[in-house]
PDB file of N, CA and C in Angstrom:
ATOM      1  N   UNK A   1      61.027   8.304  60.858  1.00  0.00           N
ATOM      2  CA  UNK A   1      60.379   7.981  60.368  1.00  0.00           C
ATOM      3  C   UNK A   1      58.971   8.358  60.033  1.00  0.00           C
ATOM      4  N   UNK A   2      58.435   8.375  58.821  1.00  0.00           N
ATOM      5  CA  UNK A   2      57.593   8.770  57.851  1.00  0.00           C
ATOM      6  C   UNK A   2      55.770   8.281  58.246  1.00  0.00           C
ATOM      7  N   UNK A   3      55.283   9.678  58.947  1.00  0.00           N
ATOM      8  CA  UNK A   3      54.050   9.011  59.176  1.00  0.00           C
ATOM      9  C   UNK A   3      52.783  10.195  58.694  1.00  0.00           C
ATOM     10  N   UNK A   4      51.604   9.399  58.167  1.00  0.00           N
ATOM     11  CA  UNK A   4      50.375  10.270  58.054  1.00  0.00           C
ATOM     12  C   UNK A   4      49.305   9.720  58.865  1.00  0.00           C
ATOM     13  N   UNK A   5      48.551  11.076  59.234  1.00  0.00           N
ATOM     14  CA  UNK A   5      47.819  10.872  60.195  1.00  0.00           C
ATOM     15  C   UNK A   5      46.438  11.581  59.476  1.00  0.00           C
ATOM     16  N   UNK A   6      45.342  10.847  59.236  1.00  0.00           N
ATOM     17  CA  UNK A   6      44.056  11.449  58.091  1.00  0.00           C
ATOM     18  C   UNK A   6      43.118  11.080  59.534  1.00  0.00           C
ATOM     19  N   UNK A   7      41.837  12.315  59.183  1.00  0.00           N
ATOM     20  CA  UNK A   7      40.853  11.906  59.681  1.00  0.00           C
ATOM     21  C   UNK A   7      40.012  13.255  58.932  1.00  0.00           C
ATOM     22  N   UNK A   8      38.827  13.361  59.524  1.00  0.00           N
ATOM     23  CA  UNK A   8      38.001  14.233  59.765  1.00  0.00           C
ATOM     24  C   UNK A   8      38.167  15.617  60.520  1.00  0.00           C
ATOM     25  N   UNK A   9      37.893  16.835  60.678  1.00  0.00           N
ATOM     26  CA  UNK A   9      38.223  18.003  61.538  1.00  0.00           C
ATOM     27  C   UNK A   9      38.207  17.600  62.453  1.00  0.00           C
ATOM     28  N   UNK A  10      38.883  18.187  63.584  1.00  0.00           N
ATOM     29  CA  UNK A  10      38.198  18.055  65.353  1.00  0.00           C
ATOM     30  C   UNK A  10      38.137  16.201  65.521  1.00  0.00           C
ATOM     31  N   UNK A  11      38.765  15.764  64.917  1.00  0.00           N
ATOM     32  CA  UNK A  11      38.577  13.823  65.220  1.00  0.00           C
ATOM     33  C   UNK A  11      39.687  13.531  66.176  1.00  0.00           C
ATOM     34  N   UNK A  12      41.130  14.089  66.862  1.00  0.00           N
ATOM     35  CA  UNK A  12      41.799  14.181  67.558  1.00  0.00           C
ATOM     36  C   UNK A  12      43.451  13.421  67.250  1.00  0.00           C
ATOM     37  N   UNK A  13      43.586  14.070  65.314  1.00  0.00           N
ATOM     38  CA  UNK A  13      44.957  13.781  65.330  1.00  0.00           C
ATOM     39  C   UNK A  13      45.870  13.999  65.673  1.00  0.00           C
ATOM     40  N   UNK A  14      45.588  15.361  65.832  1.00  0.00           N
ATOM     41  CA  UNK A  14      47.219  15.980  67.070  1.00  0.00           C
ATOM     42  C   UNK A  14      47.514  15.153  68.097  1.00  0.00           C
ATOM     43  N   UNK A  15      46.365  15.374  69.095  1.00  0.00           N
ATOM     44  CA  UNK A  15      46.630  14.386  70.224  1.00  0.00           C
ATOM     45  C   UNK A  15      47.001  13.155  69.872  1.00  0.00           C
ATOM     46  N   UNK A  16      46.561  12.518  69.272  1.00  0.00           N
ATOM     47  CA  UNK A  16      46.814  10.895  68.894  1.00  0.00           C
ATOM     48  C   UNK A  16      48.573  11.086  68.538  1.00  0.00           C
ATOM     49  N   UNK A  17      48.456  12.024  67.411  1.00  0.00           N
ATOM     50  CA  UNK A  17      50.097  12.138  67.030  1.00  0.00           C
ATOM     51  C   UNK A  17      51.053  12.144  68.415  1.00  0.00           C
ATOM     52  N   UNK A  18      50.821  13.163  68.841  1.00  0.00           N
ATOM     53  CA  UNK A  18      52.102  13.278  70.242  1.00  0.00           C
ATOM     54  C   UNK A  18      51.838  12.453  71.025  1.00  0.00           C
ATOM     55  N   UNK A  19      50.814  11.997  71.818  1.00  0.00           N
ATOM     56  CA  UNK A  19      51.076  10.891  72.409  1.00  0.00           C
ATOM     57  C   UNK A  19      51.594  10.104  71.865  1.00  0.00           C
ATOM     58  N   UNK A  20      51.178   9.553  70.632  1.00  0.00           N
ATOM     59  CA  UNK A  20      52.412   8.650  70.180  1.00  0.00           C
ATOM     60  C   UNK A  20      53.528   8.605  69.906  1.00  0.00           C
ATOM     61  N   UNK A  21      53.976   9.974  69.165  1.00  0.00           N
ATOM     62  CA  UNK A  21      55.318  10.074  68.649  1.00  0.00           C
ATOM     63  C   UNK A  21      56.543  10.885  70.085  1.00  0.00           C
ATOM     64  N   UNK A  22      55.800  11.654  70.605  1.00  0.00           N
ATOM     65  CA  UNK A  22      56.022  12.635  71.371  1.00  0.00           C
ATOM     66  C   UNK A  22      56.025  13.842  70.762  1.00  0.00           C
ATOM     67  N   UNK A  23      56.321  15.090  71.747  1.00  0.00           N
ATOM     68  CA  UNK A  23      56.215  16.519  71.759  1.00  0.00           C
ATOM     69  C   UNK A  23      57.032  17.258  70.500  1.00  0.00           C
ATOM     70  N   UNK A  24      58.111  15.922  70.754  1.00  0.00           N
ATOM     71  CA  UNK A  24      59.358  16.762  69.790  1.00  0.00           C
ATOM     72  C   UNK A  24      59.639  16.031  68.221  1.00  0.00           C
ATOM     73  N   UNK A  25      58.675  14.866  68.370  1.00  0.00           N
ATOM     74  CA  UNK A  25      58.449  15.058  66.963  1.00  0.00           C
ATOM     75  C   UNK A  25      58.530  15.768  65.387  1.00  0.00           C
ATOM     76  N   UNK A  26      59.308  15.996  64.881  1.00  0.00           N
ATOM     77  CA  UNK A  26      59.177  17.078  63.628  1.00  0.00           C
ATOM     78  C   UNK A  26      57.635  16.556  63.427  1.00  0.00           C
ATOM     79  N   UNK A  27      56.422  17.446  62.849  1.00  0.00           N
ATOM     80  CA  UNK A  27      54.922  17.703  62.787  1.00  0.00           C
ATOM     81  C   UNK A  27      54.787  18.424  61.733  1.00  0.00           C
ATOM     82  N   UNK A  28      54.231  17.576  60.461  1.00  0.00           N
ATOM     83  CA  UNK A  28      54.000  18.702  60.018  1.00  0.00           C
ATOM     84  C   UNK A  28      52.109  18.650  59.825  1.00  0.00           C
ATOM     85  N   UNK A  29      51.426  19.974  60.270  1.00  0.00           N
ATOM     86  CA  UNK A  29      49.955  19.991  60.277  1.00  0.00           C
ATOM     87  C   UNK A  29      49.491  20.632  59.473  1.00  0.00           C
ATOM     88  N   UNK A  30      48.121  20.775  59.595  1.00  0.00           N
ATOM     89  CA  UNK A  30      46.862  20.976  58.052  1.00  0.00           C
ATOM     90  C   UNK A  30      48.006  20.518  56.876  1.00  0.00           C
ATOM     91  N   UNK A  31      48.061  19.559  56.399  1.00  0.00           N
ATOM     92  CA  UNK A  31      48.302  19.563  55.113  1.00  0.00           C
ATOM     93  C   UNK A  31      47.650  20.074  54.374  1.00  0.00           C
ATOM     94  N   UNK A  32      46.173  19.742  54.470  1.00  0.00           N
ATOM     95  CA  UNK A  32      45.291  19.951  53.549  1.00  0.00           C
ATOM     96  C   UNK A  32      45.166  21.434  53.060  1.00  0.00           C
ATOM     97  N   UNK A  33      45.271  22.569  53.878  1.00  0.00           N
ATOM     98  CA  UNK A  33      46.074  24.226  53.828  1.00  0.00           C
ATOM     99  C   UNK A  33      46.881  24.295  53.411  1.00  0.00           C
ATOM    100  N   UNK A  34      47.810  23.656  53.501  1.00  0.00           N
ATOM    101  CA  UNK A  34      49.433  23.774  52.695  1.00  0.00           C
ATOM    102  C   UNK A  34      48.866  23.755  51.480  1.00  0.00           C
ATOM    103  N   UNK A  35      48.385  22.668  50.915  1.00  0.00           N
ATOM    104  CA  UNK A  35      48.527  22.683  49.677  1.00  0.00           C
ATOM    105  C   UNK A  35      47.095  23.539  49.062  1.00  0.00           C
ATOM    106  N   UNK A  36      45.794  23.977  50.070  1.00  0.00           N
ATOM    107  CA  UNK A  36      45.649  25.201  49.318  1.00  0.00           C
ATOM    108  C   UNK A  36      46.091  26.250  49.338  1.00  0.00           C
ATOM    109  N   UNK A  37      47.093  26.916  49.891  1.00  0.00           N
ATOM    110  CA  UNK A  37      47.663  27.853  49.425  1.00  0.00           C
ATOM    111  C   UNK A  37      48.653  27.860  48.280  1.00  0.00           C
ATOM    112  N   UNK A  38      49.511  26.152  48.174  1.00  0.00           N
ATOM    113  CA  UNK A  38      50.086  26.448  47.307  1.00  0.00           C
ATOM    114  C   UNK A  38      49.225  26.640  45.525  1.00  0.00           C
ATOM    115  N   UNK A  39      48.122  26.271  45.798  1.00  0.00           N
ATOM    116  CA  UNK A  39      47.110  26.165  44.400  1.00  0.00           C
ATOM    117  C   UNK A  39      46.850  27.388  44.293  1.00  0.00           C
ATOM    118  N   UNK A  40      46.362  28.438  45.059  1.00  0.00           N
ATOM    119  CA  UNK A  40      46.185  29.711  45.324  1.00  0.00           C
ATOM    120  C   UNK A  40      47.551  30.350  44.826  1.00  0.00           C
ATOM    121  N   UNK A  41      48.797  30.060  44.627  1.00  0.00           N
ATOM    122  CA  UNK A  41      49.885  30.766  44.287  1.00  0.00           C
ATOM    123  C   UNK A  41      50.764  30.253  42.634  1.00  0.00           C
ATOM    124  N   UNK A  42      49.616  28.898  42.549  1.00  0.00           N
ATOM    125  CA  UNK A  42      50.080  28.564  41.101  1.00  0.00           C
ATOM    126  C   UNK A  42      50.785  27.452  41.136  1.00  0.00           C
ATOM    127  N   UNK A  43      51.486  27.140  42.341  1.00  0.00           N
ATOM    128  CA  UNK A  43      52.412  25.871  42.359  1.00  0.00           C
ATOM    129  C   UNK A  43      51.800  24.602  42.453  1.00  0.00           C
ATOM    130  N   UNK A  44      52.435  23.743  42.407  1.00  0.00           N
ATOM    131  CA  UNK A  44      52.095  22.300  42.183  1.00  0.00           C
ATOM    132  C   UNK A  44      52.318  21.694  43.997  1.00  0.00           C
ATOM    133  N   UNK A  45      51.266  21.351  44.344  1.00  0.00           N
ATOM    134  CA  UNK A  45      51.582  20.198  45.887  1.00  0.00           C
ATOM    135  C   UNK A  45      52.273  19.767  45.641  1.00  0.00           C
ATOM    136  N   UNK A  46      52.138  18.251  44.599  1.00  0.00           N
ATOM    137  CA  UNK A  46      53.315  17.484  44.499  1.00  0.00           C
ATOM    138  C   UNK A  46      54.562  17.742  44.845  1.00  0.00           C
ATOM    139  N   UNK A  47      55.491  18.845  44.487  1.00  0.00           N
ATOM    140  CA  UNK A  47      55.979  19.380  44.858  1.00  0.00           C
ATOM    141  C   UNK A  47      56.752  19.467  46.497  1.00  0.00           C
ATOM    142  N   UNK A  48      55.837  19.039  47.256  1.00  0.00           N
ATOM    143  CA  UNK A  48      55.940  19.099  48.979  1.00  0.00           C
ATOM    144  C   UNK A  48      56.435  17.556  49.100  1.00  0.00           C
ATOM    145  N   UNK A  49      56.321  16.483  48.523  1.00  0.00           N
ATOM    146  CA  UNK A  49      56.320  15.579  48.797  1.00  0.00           C
ATOM    147  C   UNK A  49      57.435  15.250  49.558  1.00  0.00           C
ATOM    148  N   UNK A  50      58.567  15.683  48.679  1.00  0.00           N
ATOM    149  CA  UNK A  50      59.998  15.073  49.513  1.00  0.00           C
ATOM    150  C   UNK A  50      60.535  15.552  50.341  1.00  0.00           C
ATOM    151  N   UNK A  51      59.895  17.336  50.937  1.00  0.00           N
ATOM    152  CA  UNK A  51      60.222  17.859  51.986  1.00  0.00           C
ATOM    153  C   UNK A  51      59.015  17.190  53.454  1.00  0.00           C
ATOM    154  N   UNK A  52      58.311  16.135  53.045  1.00  0.00           N
ATOM    155  CA  UNK A  52      57.082  15.369  54.219  1.00  0.00           C
ATOM    156  C   UNK A  52      57.909  14.136  54.878  1.00  0.00           C
ATOM    157  N   UNK A  53      58.800  13.758  53.608  1.00  0.00           N
ATOM    158  CA  UNK A  53      59.845  12.330  53.976  1.00  0.00           C
ATOM    159  C   UNK A  53      60.288  12.654  56.065  1.00  0.00           C
ATOM    160  N   UNK A  54      60.273  11.849  56.345  1.00  0.00           N
ATOM    161  CA  UNK A  54      61.071  11.421  57.981  1.00  0.00           C
ATOM    162  C   UNK A  54      59.903  12.797  58.948  1.00  0.00           C
ATOM    163  N   UNK A  55      58.555  12.507  58.365  1.00  0.00           N
ATOM    164  CA  UNK A  55      57.960  14.033  58.984  1.00  0.00           C
ATOM    165  C   UNK A  55      56.387  13.295  59.558  1.00  0.00           C
ATOM    166  N   UNK A  56      55.747  13.810  60.486  1.00  0.00           N
ATOM    167  CA  UNK A  56      54.199  13.057  61.148  1.00  0.00           C
ATOM    168  C   UNK A  56      53.177  14.346  60.484  1.00  0.00           C
ATOM    169  N   UNK A  57      52.276  13.761  59.565  1.00  0.00           N
ATOM    170  CA  UNK A  57      51.956  14.518  58.820  1.00  0.00           C
ATOM    171  C   UNK A  57      50.276  14.324  59.072  1.00  0.00           C
ATOM    172  N   UNK A  58      49.771  15.572  59.116  1.00  0.00           N
ATOM    173  CA  UNK A  58      48.378  15.437  59.875  1.00  0.00           C
ATOM    174  C   UNK A  58      47.508  15.817  58.584  1.00  0.00           C
ATOM    175  N   UNK A  59      46.451  15.637  57.958  1.00  0.00           N
ATOM    176  CA  UNK A  59      46.301  16.150  56.749  1.00  0.00           C
ATOM    177  C   UNK A  59      44.254  15.524  57.370  1.00  0.00           C
ATOM    178  N   UNK A  60      43.305  16.870  57.285  1.00  0.00           N
ATOM    179  CA  UNK A  60      41.785  16.752  57.320  1.00  0.00           C
ATOM    180  C   UNK A  60      41.441  15.796  56.085  1.00  0.00           C
ATOM    181  N   UNK A  61      40.692  15.308  56.381  1.00  0.00           N
ATOM    182  CA  UNK A  61      40.124  14.363  54.980  1.00  0.00           C
ATOM    183  C   UNK A  61      38.584  15.355  54.365  1.00  0.00           C
ATOM    184  N   UNK A  62      39.167  15.445  53.441  1.00  0.00           N
ATOM    185  CA  UNK A  62      38.118  16.720  52.427  1.00  0.00           C
ATOM    186  C   UNK A  62      38.288  16.238  51.297  1.00  0.00           C
ATOM    187  N   UNK A  63      38.140  14.801  50.742  1.00  0.00           N
ATOM    188  CA  UNK A  63      37.405  14.167  49.498  1.00  0.00           C
ATOM    189  C   UNK A  63      35.495  13.356  49.880  1.00  0.00           C
ATOM    190  N   UNK A  64      35.410  13.595  51.559  1.00  0.00           N
ATOM    191  CA  UNK A  64      34.372  12.949  51.566  1.00  0.00           C
ATOM    192  C   UNK A  64      33.178  13.614  51.761  1.00  0.00           C
ATOM    193  N   UNK A  65      31.813  13.349  51.535  1.00  0.00           N
ATOM    194  CA  UNK A  65      30.532  14.492  51.516  1.00  0.00           C
ATOM    195  C   UNK A  65      30.281  14.838  49.832  1.00  0.00           C
ATOM    196  N   UNK A  66      29.704  16.210  49.854  1.00  0.00           N
ATOM    197  CA  UNK A  66      29.757  16.498  48.897  1.00  0.00           C
ATOM    198  C   UNK A  66      30.189  17.167  47.959  1.00  0.00           C
ATOM    199  N   UNK A  67      30.109  16.939  46.664  1.00  0.00           N
ATOM    200  CA  UNK A  67      30.876  17.411  46.067  1.00  0.00           C
ATOM    201  C   UNK A  67      30.757  18.890  45.703  1.00  0.00           C
ATOM    202  N   UNK A  68      32.100  20.263  45.501  1.00  0.00           N
ATOM    203  CA  UNK A  68      31.896  21.287  45.670  1.00  0.00           C
ATOM    204  C   UNK A  68      31.214  21.910  43.960  1.00  0.00           C
ATOM    205  N   UNK A  69      30.464  22.823  43.814  1.00  0.00           N
ATOM    206  CA  UNK A  69      30.002  23.241  42.828  1.00  0.00           C
ATOM    207  C   UNK A  69      31.016  23.986  42.336  1.00  0.00           C
ATOM    208  N   UNK A  70      32.190  24.752  42.706  1.00  0.00           N
ATOM    209  CA  UNK A  70      33.197  25.876  42.628  1.00  0.00           C
ATOM    210  C   UNK A  70      34.285  24.213  42.294  1.00  0.00           C
ATOM    211  N   UNK A  71      35.078  24.574  40.965  1.00  0.00           N
ATOM    212  CA  UNK A  71      35.800  24.018  40.074  1.00  0.00           C
ATOM    213  C   UNK A  71      36.834  23.915  41.198  1.00  0.00           C
ATOM    214  N   UNK A  72      37.486  25.521  41.466  1.00  0.00           N
ATOM    215  CA  UNK A  72      38.991  25.512  42.327  1.00  0.00           C
ATOM    216  C   UNK A  72      38.810  24.794  43.628  1.00  0.00           C
ATOM    217  N   UNK A  73      37.614  24.173  44.069  1.00  0.00           N
ATOM    218  CA  UNK A  73      37.331  23.592  45.418  1.00  0.00           C
ATOM    219  C   UNK A  73      37.679  21.891  45.034  1.00  0.00           C
ATOM    220  N   UNK A  74      37.120  21.882  43.893  1.00  0.00           N
ATOM    221  CA  UNK A  74      37.195  20.645  43.215  1.00  0.00           C
ATOM    222  C   UNK A  74      38.427  19.779  42.924  1.00  0.00           C
ATOM    223  N   UNK A  75      38.999  21.232  42.342  1.00  0.00           N
ATOM    224  CA  UNK A  75      40.603  20.798  42.342  1.00  0.00           C
ATOM    225  C   UNK A  75      41.271  20.583  43.182  1.00  0.00           C
ATOM    226  N   UNK A  76      40.762  21.370  44.443  1.00  0.00           N
ATOM    227  CA  UNK A  76      41.893  21.624  45.597  1.00  0.00           C
ATOM    228  C   UNK A  76      41.873  20.247  46.583  1.00  0.00           C
ATOM    229  N   UNK A  77      40.329  19.383  45.896  1.00  0.00           N
ATOM    230  CA  UNK A  77      40.132  18.336  46.811  1.00  0.00           C
ATOM    231  C   UNK A  77      40.764  17.105  46.114  1.00  0.00           C
ATOM    232  N   UNK A  78      40.941  17.426  44.748  1.00  0.00           N
ATOM    233  CA  UNK A  78      41.586  16.042  43.619  1.00  0.00           C
ATOM    234  C   UNK A  78      42.989  16.300  44.427  1.00  0.00           C
ATOM    235  N   UNK A  79      43.320  17.659  44.507  1.00  0.00           N
ATOM    236  CA  UNK A  79      44.911  17.607  44.636  1.00  0.00           C
ATOM    237  C   UNK A  79      45.953  16.992  46.261  1.00  0.00           C
ATOM    238  N   UNK A  80      44.844  17.248  47.193  1.00  0.00           N
ATOM    239  CA  UNK A  80      44.365  16.895  48.628  1.00  0.00           C
ATOM    240  C   UNK A  80      44.882  14.868  48.613  1.00  0.00           C
ATOM    241  N   UNK A  81      44.097  14.783  47.744  1.00  0.00           N
ATOM    242  CA  UNK A  81      43.567  13.221  47.915  1.00  0.00           C
ATOM    243  C   UNK A  81      44.607  12.495  46.752  1.00  0.00           C
ATOM    244  N   UNK A  82      45.431  13.503  45.935  1.00  0.00           N
ATOM    245  CA  UNK A  82      46.565  12.413  45.058  1.00  0.00           C
ATOM    246  C   UNK A  82      47.863  12.709  45.701  1.00  0.00           C
ATOM    247  N   UNK A  83      47.752  13.906  46.658  1.00  0.00           N
ATOM    248  CA  UNK A  83      49.117  14.077  47.575  1.00  0.00           C
ATOM    249  C   UNK A  83      49.229  13.036  48.613  1.00  0.00           C
ATOM    250  N   UNK A  84      48.286  13.272  49.478  1.00  0.00           N
ATOM    251  CA  UNK A  84      48.147  11.887  50.666  1.00  0.00           C
ATOM    252  C   UNK A  84      47.865  10.216  49.820  1.00  0.00           C
ATOM    253  N   UNK A  85      47.691  10.222  48.844  1.00  0.00           N
ATOM    254  CA  UNK A  85      47.710   8.889  48.212  1.00  0.00           C
ATOM    255  C   UNK A  85      49.378   8.842  47.988  1.00  0.00           C
ATOM    256  N   UNK A  86      50.050   9.676  47.453  1.00  0.00           N
ATOM    257  CA  UNK A  86      51.723   9.853  47.055  1.00  0.00           C
ATOM    258  C   UNK A  86      52.529   9.324  48.534  1.00  0.00           C
ATOM    259  N   UNK A  87      51.837  10.233  49.707  1.00  0.00           N
ATOM    260  CA  UNK A  87      52.446  10.605  50.550  1.00  0.00           C
ATOM    261  C   UNK A  87      52.399   8.690  51.719  1.00  0.00           C
ATOM    262  N   UNK A  88      51.479   8.054  51.432  1.00  0.00           N
ATOM    263  CA  UNK A  88      51.051   7.084  51.711  1.00  0.00           C
ATOM    264  C   UNK A  88      51.631   5.995  51.549  1.00  0.00           C
ATOM    265  N   UNK A  89      52.003   6.023  49.947  1.00  0.00           N
ATOM    266  CA  UNK A  89      52.612   4.814  49.385  1.00  0.00           C
ATOM    267  C   UNK A  89      54.367   4.976  49.956  1.00  0.00           C
ATOM    268  N   UNK A  90      54.793   5.691  50.286  1.00  0.00           N
ATOM    269  CA  UNK A  90      55.708   6.128  50.854  1.00  0.00           C
ATOM    270  C   UNK A  90      55.966   6.407  52.625  1.00  0.00           C
ATOM    271  N   UNK A  91      54.904   6.383  52.972  1.00  0.00           N
ATOM    272  CA  UNK A  91      54.776   6.434  54.483  1.00  0.00           C
ATOM    273  C   UNK A  91      55.362   5.307  55.003  1.00  0.00           C
ATOM    274  N   UNK A  92      56.061   4.977  56.392  1.00  0.00           N
ATOM    275  CA  UNK A  92      56.073   3.959  57.274  1.00  0.00           C
ATOM    276  C   UNK A  92      54.733   3.815  58.026  1.00  0.00           C
ATOM    277  N   UNK A  93      53.885   4.324  58.328  1.00  0.00           N
ATOM    278  CA  UNK A  93      52.762   4.422  59.280  1.00  0.00           C
ATOM    279  C   UNK A  93      51.606   5.106  58.807  1.00  0.00           C
ATOM    280  N   UNK A  94      50.672   4.862  58.163  1.00  0.00           N
ATOM    281  CA  UNK A  94      49.183   5.419  57.527  1.00  0.00           C
ATOM    282  C   UNK A  94      48.437   5.480  59.146  1.00  0.00           C
ATOM    283  N   UNK A  95      47.694   6.351  59.484  1.00  0.00           N
ATOM    284  CA  UNK A  95      46.993   5.935  60.478  1.00  0.00           C
ATOM    285  C   UNK A  95      45.327   6.870  60.505  1.00  0.00           C
ATOM    286  N   UNK A  96      44.271   6.374  59.997  1.00  0.00           N
ATOM    287  CA  UNK A  96      42.960   7.098  60.349  1.00  0.00           C
ATOM    288  C   UNK A  96      42.659   6.711  61.508  1.00  0.00           C
ATOM    289  N   UNK A  97      42.193   8.437  61.850  1.00  0.00           N
ATOM    290  CA  UNK A  97      41.726   8.466  63.412  1.00  0.00           C
ATOM    291  C   UNK A  97      40.075   9.448  62.791  1.00  0.00           C
ATOM    292  N   UNK A  98      39.486   8.551  63.885  1.00  0.00           N
ATOM    293  CA  UNK A  98      38.249   8.830  63.980  1.00  0.00           C
ATOM    294  C   UNK A  98      37.674   8.715  65.756  1.00  0.00           C
ATOM    295  N   UNK A  99      37.267   9.976  66.151  1.00  0.00           N
ATOM    296  CA  UNK A  99      36.801  10.178  68.024  1.00  0.00           C
ATOM    297  C   UNK A  99      38.483   9.756  68.481  1.00  0.00           C
ATOM    298  N   UNK A 100      39.045   9.959  68.123  1.00  0.00           N
ATOM    299  CA  UNK A 100      40.574  10.074  68.738  1.00  0.00           C
ATOM    300  C   UNK A 100      40.963   8.766  68.671  1.00  0.00           C
ATOM    301  N   UNK A 101      40.684   7.747  68.249  1.00  0.00           N
ATOM    302  CA  UNK A 101      40.549   6.331  67.621  1.00  0.00           C
ATOM    303  C   UNK A 101      41.360   5.785  66.164  1.00  0.00           C
ATOM    304  N   UNK A 102      42.474   5.542  66.530  1.00  0.00           N
ATOM    305  CA  UNK A 102      43.461   5.002  65.321  1.00  0.00           C
ATOM    306  C   UNK A 102      43.324   3.714  64.864  1.00  0.00           C
ATOM    307  N   UNK A 103      42.947   3.545  63.941  1.00  0.00           N
ATOM    308  CA  UNK A 103      43.333   2.541  62.625  1.00  0.00           C
ATOM    309  C   UNK A 103      44.019   2.461  62.236  1.00  0.00           C
ATOM    310  N   UNK A 104      45.217   1.353  62.303  1.00  0.00           N
ATOM    311  CA  UNK A 104      46.117   1.306  61.606  1.00  0.00           C
ATOM    312  C   UNK A 104      45.677   0.974  59.838  1.00  0.00           C
ATOM    313  N   UNK A 105      45.975   1.720  59.189  1.00  0.00           N
ATOM    314  CA  UNK A 105      45.790   1.531  57.666  1.00  0.00           C
ATOM    315  C   UNK A 105      47.256   0.874  56.683  1.00  0.00           C
ATOM    316  N   UNK A 106      48.600   1.254  57.727  1.00  0.00           N
ATOM    317  CA  UNK A 106      49.874   0.787  57.149  1.00  0.00           C
ATOM    318  C   UNK A 106      51.148   0.614  58.144  1.00  0.00           C
ATOM    319  N   UNK A 107      51.665  -0.189  58.579  1.00  0.00           N
ATOM    320  CA  UNK A 107      52.562  -0.571  59.128  1.00  0.00           C
ATOM    321  C   UNK A 107      52.408  -0.340  60.477  1.00  0.00           C
ATOM    322  N   UNK A 108      52.908  -0.193  61.901  1.00  0.00           N
ATOM    323  CA  UNK A 108      52.766  -0.752  63.233  1.00  0.00           C
ATOM    324  C   UNK A 108      52.729   0.676  63.875  1.00  0.00           C
ATOM    325  N   UNK A 109      51.652   1.145  65.479  1.00  0.00           N
ATOM    326  CA  UNK A 109      52.060   2.331  65.816  1.00  0.00           C
ATOM    327  C   UNK A 109      53.448   2.035  66.743  1.00  0.00           C
ATOM    328  N   UNK A 110      54.464   3.253  66.944  1.00  0.00           N
ATOM    329  CA  UNK A 110      55.472   2.552  67.613  1.00  0.00           C
ATOM    330  C   UNK A 110      55.242   2.373  69.292  1.00  0.00           C
TER     331      UNK A 110
END
């Protein structure tokens, strides 16, 4: 099962994902930071997409709020958003987490 958990920093994505899927489920945390690392190295974050199949993926929502003045920060936000859109299209489950509460956007909680 491929699952994407999105939401603001500190909203309980990790705890919720572990409670729902168990401690042994393969989990990719902080996808947004992986995207930043790839961009800094000059790579294409979309190349991550196949590696995220059958994973529980957690990503902070970075597209809300004030738009950064720096071009690199705007590019990072755009890359995170595009990768999350592509992953959500392929995922079996997409959950937005706010204050530790799940809002299922696609699929059903196991």
